[in-house]
Amino acid sequence: MVEIIEKFIPLRLPAEERVSMLLAQIPSRLRYRNYFYQLVDPRGQWALVEQILRMVARGEEGLNGATFVVFPEVSVPFQYKDDLVEIIQKDFPLNTVTIAGFEHITLRQFWQLLAEYDAHNVEAHRLILDRMNRAEAERPVNWCLVAVKDDHGDLRCFVEAKTHPFFGEEFLDQPRDLYRGQYLYLFRSQPAPLSFVVLICLDYIYRDRHGSNILTIIRKANEMYYRERQPLDLLFVIQCNPKPEHQVFQDTAVGFYGEHLIFTPGVKHATTILLNTSSETRVEGVAEDSGGFGHSAVLAHKSRRLPATAVAEYSTDQPGGGPVARLRFGAETRLYHLDVSLLHERDPRTSRSPVKILSVHGMRAGQWRKLEGEEIISGVSSREELD
């Protein structure tokens, strides 16, 4: 069973009832070599990621107000990890959380990361050391970095490995199987009450109804709620998923928000962020399908009342007819700047939306630009107008 490690981080939000986030729905181009998925053009991919980081650092379009900056699964080259950390440390504003999905590395390299960032990963490092099997040192690891620049300007780097065994469980030969992470972090801020969890793609789905990550998170959130009246606020799921709307994801969302389980107080007002790579993603061995990737989404319980909307860039619905309200984005390469309300409106007469879309950015001639009203409503008219 995966262990949940609580981490307290000093964050001060601009306003306690809302949180701003920048979601980077960008492409990845991956090749499969010796059981590892790695980026075809690390330098080009880093240029794309760095451009977004610099936009946040400079505060373009108000992006320096984003508390969370999120990149998808396997979208950041491992060789530029130190560059990413340096930009955050030197140039990012205080009270920011960067969630970055990196390309695969070996288990040996993952151990080295835990040692490098031992100051903030000490429990996880000890857990891994106690269960270390050196015969598995070359096993592939799908992992993410959560870099927190706190209210004091200190940088705290946390590393997580994907806990789901990936497609390897479908094969007889063990080397195809990814390393299975043994822990998840539950982050909790202290000056402002905020809690969140980060999952990597398939870590979100049920393994079974008795021992899944989702059930473990629900139980932990309920324990936290009954002990301190603090619920889980945000659940981030970063993906490189050619089937972002597969039935298993909808089933998990429905269960999380209370149809398969009781409507539990620890998570019933949580907001779930499903961030996928864009439709320009190409993965060796996966058939090209222009509609396969993309469609990042924001989920909440239907009682939180997302207004009915259907325009070119986004729409709202209730997937599967369950207790889930969804804000669904398109498949193109985009930056989505959102404002998410943390407080549930208890007055049944209110119609205030829990999510506000502050801006949508597209790529033109290698540069990000903010889409204007008619483009968002009717779509971009030509490929040349918006690359």
Protein backbone atom coordinates (compact mmCIF):
# COMPACT_ATOMS: atom_id res chain seq x y z
CA MET A 1 0.00 0.00 0.00
CA VAL A 2 1.28 3.45 -0.88
CA GLU A 3 2.19 5.65 2.08
CA ILE A 4 1.07 9.29 2.35
CA ILE A 5 3.65 11.65 3.81
CA GLU A 6 2.38 14.99 5.12
CA LYS A 7 4.55 18.00 4.31
CA PHE A 8 3.89 21.40 5.86
CA ILE A 9 4.97 24.32 3.68
CA PRO A 10 4.71 28.05 4.51
CA LEU A 11 2.62 29.55 1.70
CA ARG A 12 0.74 32.83 1.85
CA LEU A 13 -2.02 33.10 -0.75
CA PRO A 14 -3.04 36.46 -2.27
CA ALA A 15 -6.56 35.84 -1.01
CA GLU A 16 -7.48 32.87 1.14
CA GLU A 17 -10.66 32.06 -0.76
CA ARG A 18 -9.03 31.55 -4.17
CA VAL A 19 -5.88 30.27 -5.84
CA SER A 20 -4.48 31.09 -9.28
CA MET A 21 -2.80 28.50 -11.51
CA LEU A 22 -1.14 28.28 -14.91
CA LEU A 23 -1.65 24.96 -16.72
CA ALA A 24 0.76 24.28 -19.60
CA GLN A 25 -0.93 21.95 -22.10
CA ILE A 26 2.21 21.53 -24.22
CA PRO A 27 3.35 18.68 -26.51
CA SER A 28 5.95 16.01 -25.85
CA ARG A 29 7.73 14.01 -28.54
CA LEU A 30 8.96 10.76 -27.04
CA ARG A 31 10.92 7.77 -28.22
CA TYR A 32 11.09 4.35 -26.59
CA ARG A 33 14.58 2.98 -25.97
CA ASN A 34 15.53 0.10 -23.65
CA TYR A 35 12.24 0.39 -21.74
CA PHE A 36 12.60 4.16 -21.23
CA TYR A 37 10.49 6.93 -22.73
CA GLN A 38 12.76 9.89 -23.44
CA LEU A 39 12.34 13.20 -25.26
CA VAL A 40 13.44 13.20 -28.91
CA ASP A 41 14.68 16.83 -28.79
CA PRO A 42 15.60 17.75 -25.20
CA ARG A 43 17.02 21.16 -26.15
CA GLY A 44 13.93 22.17 -28.14
CA GLN A 45 11.64 20.92 -25.37
CA TRP A 46 13.59 22.84 -22.75
CA ALA A 47 13.33 26.01 -24.86
CA LEU A 48 9.53 25.65 -24.73
CA VAL A 49 9.47 25.01 -20.98
CA GLU A 50 11.97 27.80 -20.24
CA GLN A 51 9.91 30.27 -22.26
CA ILE A 52 6.91 29.61 -20.01
CA LEU A 53 9.01 29.86 -16.85
CA ARG A 54 10.40 33.23 -18.01
CA MET A 55 6.86 34.50 -18.69
CA VAL A 56 5.92 33.71 -15.10
CA ALA A 57 9.16 35.22 -13.76
CA ARG A 58 8.58 38.46 -15.71
CA GLY A 59 4.92 38.61 -14.78
CA GLU A 60 3.65 38.76 -18.36
CA GLU A 61 -0.17 38.99 -18.53
CA GLY A 62 -0.26 38.82 -14.74
CA LEU A 63 1.18 35.31 -14.69
CA ASN A 64 3.38 36.13 -11.70
CA GLY A 65 0.18 35.95 -9.69
CA ALA A 66 -0.11 32.23 -10.35
CA THR A 67 0.43 30.19 -7.19
CA PHE A 68 0.69 26.95 -9.19
CA VAL A 69 2.62 26.48 -12.45
CA VAL A 70 2.00 22.98 -13.79
CA PHE A 71 3.69 20.99 -16.60
CA PRO A 72 2.44 17.59 -17.83
CA GLU A 73 3.92 14.15 -17.34
CA VAL A 74 7.22 13.43 -19.19
CA SER A 75 7.39 16.97 -20.60
CA VAL A 76 10.61 18.32 -19.02
CA PRO A 77 14.09 17.02 -20.01
CA PHE A 78 15.98 15.56 -17.07
CA GLN A 79 19.29 17.15 -18.16
CA TYR A 80 17.75 20.61 -17.56
CA LYS A 81 16.50 19.88 -14.07
CA ASP A 82 19.06 22.18 -12.43
CA ASP A 83 18.24 24.98 -14.89
CA LEU A 84 14.55 24.75 -13.98
CA VAL A 85 15.33 24.81 -10.26
CA GLU A 86 17.68 27.79 -10.70
CA ILE A 87 15.08 29.88 -12.54
CA ILE A 88 12.52 29.19 -9.82
CA GLN A 89 15.02 29.98 -7.06
CA LYS A 90 16.32 33.22 -8.59
CA ASP A 91 13.40 34.68 -10.52
CA PHE A 92 10.06 33.29 -9.35
CA PRO A 93 7.95 35.27 -6.91
CA LEU A 94 7.44 34.02 -3.38
CA ASN A 95 4.59 31.61 -2.63
CA THR A 96 4.71 29.66 -5.87
CA VAL A 97 4.47 25.91 -6.47
CA THR A 98 5.88 24.43 -9.69
CA ILE A 99 4.80 20.90 -10.61
CA ALA A 100 6.91 19.40 -13.41
CA GLY A 101 6.69 15.95 -14.97
CA PHE A 102 10.13 14.77 -16.14
CA GLU A 103 11.18 12.15 -18.66
CA HIS A 104 12.10 8.68 -17.39
CA ILE A 105 15.29 8.12 -15.41
CA THR A 106 16.82 5.05 -13.77
CA LEU A 107 16.01 4.03 -10.23
CA ARG A 108 19.67 4.73 -9.38
CA GLN A 109 19.20 8.34 -10.51
CA PHE A 110 15.99 8.57 -8.49
CA TRP A 111 17.86 7.44 -5.38
CA GLN A 112 20.43 10.14 -6.10
CA LEU A 113 17.66 12.76 -6.35
CA LEU A 114 16.32 11.75 -2.95
CA ALA A 115 19.83 12.09 -1.53
CA GLU A 116 20.33 15.47 -3.25
CA TYR A 117 17.08 16.82 -1.81
CA ASP A 118 17.23 14.86 1.42
CA ALA A 119 16.52 17.92 3.57
CA HIS A 120 12.91 18.01 2.37
CA ASN A 121 12.49 14.33 1.42
CA VAL A 122 13.97 12.73 4.51
CA GLU A 123 10.99 10.44 5.28
CA ALA A 124 10.76 9.28 1.68
CA HIS A 125 14.52 8.79 1.49
CA ARG A 126 14.52 6.62 4.60
CA LEU A 127 11.55 4.64 3.30
CA ILE A 128 13.34 3.93 0.01
CA LEU A 129 16.62 3.07 1.76
CA ASP A 130 14.82 0.54 3.96
CA ARG A 131 13.35 -1.17 0.88
CA MET A 132 16.22 -0.65 -1.55
CA ASN A 133 16.94 -3.48 -3.98
CA ARG A 134 20.18 -2.74 -5.83
CA ALA A 135 19.35 -5.39 -8.43
CA GLU A 136 16.66 -2.99 -9.68
CA ALA A 137 18.97 0.03 -10.01
CA GLU A 138 18.45 0.30 -13.78
CA ARG A 139 14.66 0.01 -13.69
CA PRO A 140 12.88 2.98 -15.37
CA VAL A 141 11.21 5.56 -13.12
CA ASN A 142 8.46 7.97 -14.19
CA TRP A 143 8.68 10.88 -11.77
CA CYS A 144 7.79 14.48 -11.05
CA LEU A 145 9.31 17.39 -9.14
CA VAL A 146 7.27 19.68 -6.89
CA ALA A 147 9.31 22.85 -6.29
CA VAL A 148 7.91 25.18 -3.62
CA LYS A 149 9.26 28.70 -3.26
CA ASP A 150 7.78 29.54 0.10
CA ASP A 151 6.79 32.72 1.95
CA HIS A 152 10.37 33.15 3.21
CA GLY A 153 11.95 32.79 -0.24
CA ASP A 154 13.34 29.32 0.51
CA LEU A 155 13.10 26.65 -2.18
CA ARG A 156 11.87 23.20 -1.19
CA CYS A 157 12.15 20.45 -3.81
CA PHE A 158 10.12 17.26 -3.46
CA VAL A 159 10.37 14.22 -5.74
CA GLU A 160 7.72 11.58 -6.36
CA ALA A 161 7.78 8.40 -8.45
CA LYS A 162 4.77 7.05 -10.27
CA THR A 163 3.19 4.26 -8.22
CA HIS A 164 1.27 2.59 -11.04
CA PRO A 165 3.14 -0.18 -12.88
CA PHE A 166 2.31 1.30 -16.31
CA PHE A 167 1.77 -0.95 -19.34
CA GLY A 168 4.39 -3.41 -18.08
CA GLU A 169 1.79 -5.26 -16.03
CA GLU A 170 0.30 -6.48 -19.32
CA PHE A 171 3.51 -8.30 -20.35
CA LEU A 172 5.27 -11.40 -19.08
CA ASP A 173 8.78 -9.92 -19.19
CA GLN A 174 9.51 -7.98 -16.01
CA PRO A 175 11.92 -5.37 -17.52
CA ARG A 176 8.95 -3.65 -19.17
CA ASP A 177 7.53 -2.86 -15.76
CA LEU A 178 8.21 0.58 -14.30
CA TYR A 179 9.45 1.03 -10.78
CA ARG A 180 6.47 1.41 -8.48
CA GLY A 181 6.70 4.43 -6.21
CA GLN A 182 5.97 3.75 -2.55
CA TYR A 183 4.74 7.11 -1.28
CA LEU A 184 2.72 10.22 -2.12
CA TYR A 185 3.00 13.67 -0.59
CA LEU A 186 0.10 15.49 1.02
CA PHE A 187 1.16 19.14 1.00
CA ARG A 188 -0.32 21.49 3.58
CA SER A 189 0.34 25.20 3.94
CA GLN A 190 0.29 26.89 7.32
CA PRO A 191 -0.31 30.68 7.11
CA ALA A 192 -3.16 30.05 4.66
CA PRO A 193 -5.08 26.76 4.93
CA LEU A 194 -4.39 24.96 1.65
CA SER A 195 -3.82 21.27 1.00
CA PHE A 196 -3.06 19.43 -2.22
CA VAL A 197 -1.82 16.12 -3.66
CA VAL A 198 0.01 15.46 -6.94
CA LEU A 199 -0.50 12.23 -8.92
CA ILE A 200 1.12 11.03 -12.15
CA CYS A 201 -1.51 9.94 -14.68
CA LEU A 202 -2.50 6.32 -13.99
CA ASP A 203 -1.80 6.76 -10.27
CA TYR A 204 -5.26 8.33 -10.34
CA ILE A 205 -7.23 5.25 -11.39
CA TYR A 206 -8.45 2.47 -9.11
CA ARG A 207 -6.16 -0.50 -8.65
CA ASP A 208 -9.07 -2.11 -6.80
CA ARG A 209 -11.84 -0.86 -4.56
CA HIS A 210 -9.98 -1.81 -1.38
CA GLY A 211 -6.43 -0.63 -1.98
CA SER A 212 -6.26 2.16 -4.52
CA ASN A 213 -4.43 5.47 -4.30
CA ILE A 214 -7.73 7.32 -4.53
CA LEU A 215 -9.20 5.44 -1.58
CA THR A 216 -6.00 6.02 0.41
CA ILE A 217 -6.21 9.76 -0.35
CA ILE A 218 -9.90 9.89 0.58
CA ARG A 219 -9.24 8.15 3.91
CA LYS A 220 -6.33 10.48 4.69
CA ALA A 221 -8.37 13.56 3.77
CA ASN A 222 -11.25 12.40 5.99
CA GLU A 223 -8.85 11.79 8.86
CA MET A 224 -7.48 15.32 8.39
CA TYR A 225 -11.00 16.75 8.22
CA TYR A 226 -12.28 15.02 11.36
CA ARG A 227 -9.14 15.94 13.27
CA GLU A 228 -8.74 19.56 12.15
CA ARG A 229 -11.70 20.45 9.92
CA GLN A 230 -9.24 20.93 7.05
CA PRO A 231 -10.36 19.24 3.79
CA LEU A 232 -8.34 18.36 0.72
CA ASP A 233 -8.48 21.39 -1.58
CA LEU A 234 -6.71 20.37 -4.78
CA LEU A 235 -5.82 17.12 -6.53
CA PHE A 236 -3.41 17.51 -9.47
CA VAL A 237 -3.12 14.68 -12.01
CA ILE A 238 -0.40 15.28 -14.65
CA GLN A 239 -0.73 13.16 -17.79
CA CYS A 240 0.74 12.19 -21.15
CA ASN A 241 -2.39 10.29 -21.99
CA PRO A 242 -3.65 9.39 -25.49
CA LYS A 243 -6.97 8.44 -23.89
CA PRO A 244 -7.64 11.28 -21.44
CA GLU A 245 -11.34 10.47 -21.31
CA HIS A 246 -11.09 6.71 -20.97
CA GLN A 247 -13.93 5.20 -18.97
CA VAL A 248 -11.62 4.28 -16.08
CA PHE A 249 -10.82 7.96 -15.50
CA GLN A 250 -14.53 8.84 -15.47
CA ASP A 251 -15.27 5.95 -13.10
CA THR A 252 -12.58 7.16 -10.69
CA ALA A 253 -13.89 10.74 -10.81
CA VAL A 254 -17.41 9.54 -10.12
CA GLY A 255 -16.17 7.44 -7.19
CA PHE A 256 -14.03 10.25 -5.80
CA TYR A 257 -17.00 12.62 -5.73
CA GLY A 258 -19.32 10.18 -4.09
CA GLU A 259 -21.32 7.85 -6.31
CA HIS A 260 -19.37 4.64 -5.75
CA LEU A 261 -18.48 5.71 -2.21
CA ILE A 262 -20.15 7.88 0.39
CA PHE A 263 -20.01 11.62 -0.20
CA THR A 264 -17.04 12.05 2.13
CA PRO A 265 -16.38 15.39 3.86
CA GLY A 266 -12.60 15.34 3.36
CA VAL A 267 -12.79 15.53 -0.44
CA LYS A 268 -16.34 16.54 -1.35
CA HIS A 269 -15.34 20.14 -2.16
CA ALA A 270 -11.93 19.34 -3.64
CA THR A 271 -11.08 20.53 -7.15
CA THR A 272 -9.37 18.00 -9.44
CA ILE A 273 -7.00 19.24 -12.16
CA LEU A 274 -6.31 16.80 -15.01
CA LEU A 275 -3.46 18.32 -17.07
CA ASN A 276 -2.61 16.46 -20.28
CA THR A 277 -0.08 17.04 -23.05
CA SER A 278 -1.46 18.61 -26.24
CA SER A 279 -2.55 16.97 -29.49
CA GLU A 280 0.86 17.67 -31.05
CA THR A 281 2.32 14.98 -28.78
CA ARG A 282 3.96 12.07 -30.59
CA VAL A 283 4.93 8.88 -28.78
CA GLU A 284 6.85 6.11 -30.52
CA GLY A 285 4.66 3.01 -30.64
CA VAL A 286 1.41 4.90 -30.10
CA ALA A 287 -0.72 5.40 -33.22
CA GLU A 288 -1.09 9.04 -34.22
CA ASP A 289 -4.51 10.43 -33.52
CA SER A 290 -5.04 14.17 -33.70
CA GLY A 291 -7.75 13.93 -31.06
CA GLY A 292 -5.93 11.48 -28.80
CA PHE A 293 -4.07 13.84 -26.47
CA GLY A 294 -5.14 17.16 -24.99
CA HIS A 295 -8.48 17.92 -23.36
CA SER A 296 -7.16 18.88 -19.95
CA ALA A 297 -10.00 19.34 -17.49
CA VAL A 298 -11.07 20.77 -14.15
CA LEU A 299 -13.45 18.62 -12.11
CA ALA A 300 -15.61 19.47 -9.10
CA HIS A 301 -18.69 18.03 -7.45
CA LYS A 302 -21.80 19.03 -9.39
CA SER A 303 -23.11 20.90 -6.35
CA ARG A 304 -20.40 23.51 -6.97
CA ARG A 305 -22.26 24.52 -10.13
CA LEU A 306 -20.11 25.07 -13.16
CA PRO A 307 -22.25 27.15 -15.53
CA ALA A 308 -23.29 25.61 -18.85
CA THR A 309 -20.78 26.80 -21.48
CA ALA A 310 -19.76 25.56 -24.93
CA VAL A 311 -17.29 27.61 -26.99
CA ALA A 312 -14.38 26.64 -29.22
CA GLU A 313 -11.73 26.66 -26.48
CA TYR A 314 -13.66 25.06 -23.61
CA SER A 315 -16.99 23.63 -22.52
CA THR A 316 -18.70 22.32 -19.40
CA ASP A 317 -20.60 19.08 -18.89
CA GLN A 318 -21.31 16.22 -16.47
CA PRO A 319 -19.30 13.26 -17.80
CA GLY A 320 -21.15 9.98 -17.60
CA GLY A 321 -24.08 11.65 -15.89
CA GLY A 322 -22.40 11.23 -12.51
CA PRO A 323 -22.00 13.70 -9.64
CA VAL A 324 -19.12 15.46 -11.42
CA ALA A 325 -19.09 18.87 -13.09
CA ARG A 326 -16.30 19.26 -15.66
CA LEU A 327 -14.64 22.18 -17.40
CA ARG A 328 -13.14 20.54 -20.52
CA PHE A 329 -10.51 22.24 -22.68
CA GLY A 330 -9.55 21.60 -26.29
CA ALA A 331 -6.68 19.54 -27.67
CA GLU A 332 -4.38 22.30 -28.99
CA THR A 333 -1.15 23.56 -27.44
CA ARG A 334 -2.30 26.13 -24.87
CA LEU A 335 -1.58 27.88 -21.59
CA TYR A 336 -4.62 28.13 -19.33
CA HIS A 337 -4.56 30.71 -16.53
CA LEU A 338 -7.29 29.93 -14.01
CA ASP A 339 -8.64 31.18 -10.70
CA VAL A 340 -10.04 28.42 -8.48
CA SER A 341 -12.23 29.09 -5.47
CA LEU A 342 -11.29 27.09 -2.39
CA LEU A 343 -14.40 27.84 -0.37
CA HIS A 344 -17.63 26.03 -1.07
CA GLU A 345 -20.59 28.38 -1.25
CA ARG A 346 -23.03 27.09 1.34
CA ASP A 347 -25.88 29.39 0.36
CA PRO A 348 -27.98 27.32 -2.11
CA ARG A 349 -29.16 30.53 -3.80
CA THR A 350 -25.70 31.44 -5.06
CA SER A 351 -24.64 30.74 -8.62
CA ARG A 352 -21.00 31.79 -8.26
CA SER A 353 -18.70 29.59 -10.36
CA PRO A 354 -15.84 27.84 -8.53
CA VAL A 355 -13.53 28.38 -11.56
CA LYS A 356 -12.70 31.58 -13.46
CA ILE A 357 -10.74 31.49 -16.73
CA LEU A 358 -8.39 34.48 -16.57
CA SER A 359 -6.72 33.95 -19.97
CA VAL A 360 -5.95 31.42 -22.68
CA HIS A 361 -2.65 31.63 -24.59
CA GLY A 362 -1.82 30.01 -27.92
CA MET A 363 1.41 29.73 -29.87
CA ARG A 364 2.11 31.88 -32.95
CA ALA A 365 5.47 31.91 -34.75
CA GLY A 366 7.10 30.35 -31.71
CA GLN A 367 5.72 32.97 -29.31
CA TRP A 368 2.86 32.76 -26.86
CA ARG A 369 0.05 35.24 -27.31
CA LYS A 370 -3.18 35.80 -25.45
CA LEU A 371 -6.31 34.77 -27.37
CA GLU A 372 -9.01 37.40 -27.59
CA GLY A 373 -12.76 37.04 -27.19
CA GLU A 374 -13.85 35.96 -30.67
CA GLU A 375 -10.95 33.52 -31.01
CA ILE A 376 -11.97 31.83 -27.76
CA ILE A 377 -15.62 31.69 -28.74
CA SER A 378 -15.35 30.72 -32.42
CA GLY A 379 -11.86 29.27 -32.64
CA VAL A 380 -8.82 30.27 -34.63
CA SER A 381 -9.67 30.48 -38.31
CA SER A 382 -6.47 29.10 -39.83
CA ARG A 383 -3.31 27.18 -39.01
CA GLU A 384 -1.23 30.14 -40.17
CA GLU A 385 -3.04 32.50 -37.79
CA LEU A 386 -2.08 30.38 -34.78
CA ASP A 387 0.71 27.87 -35.17
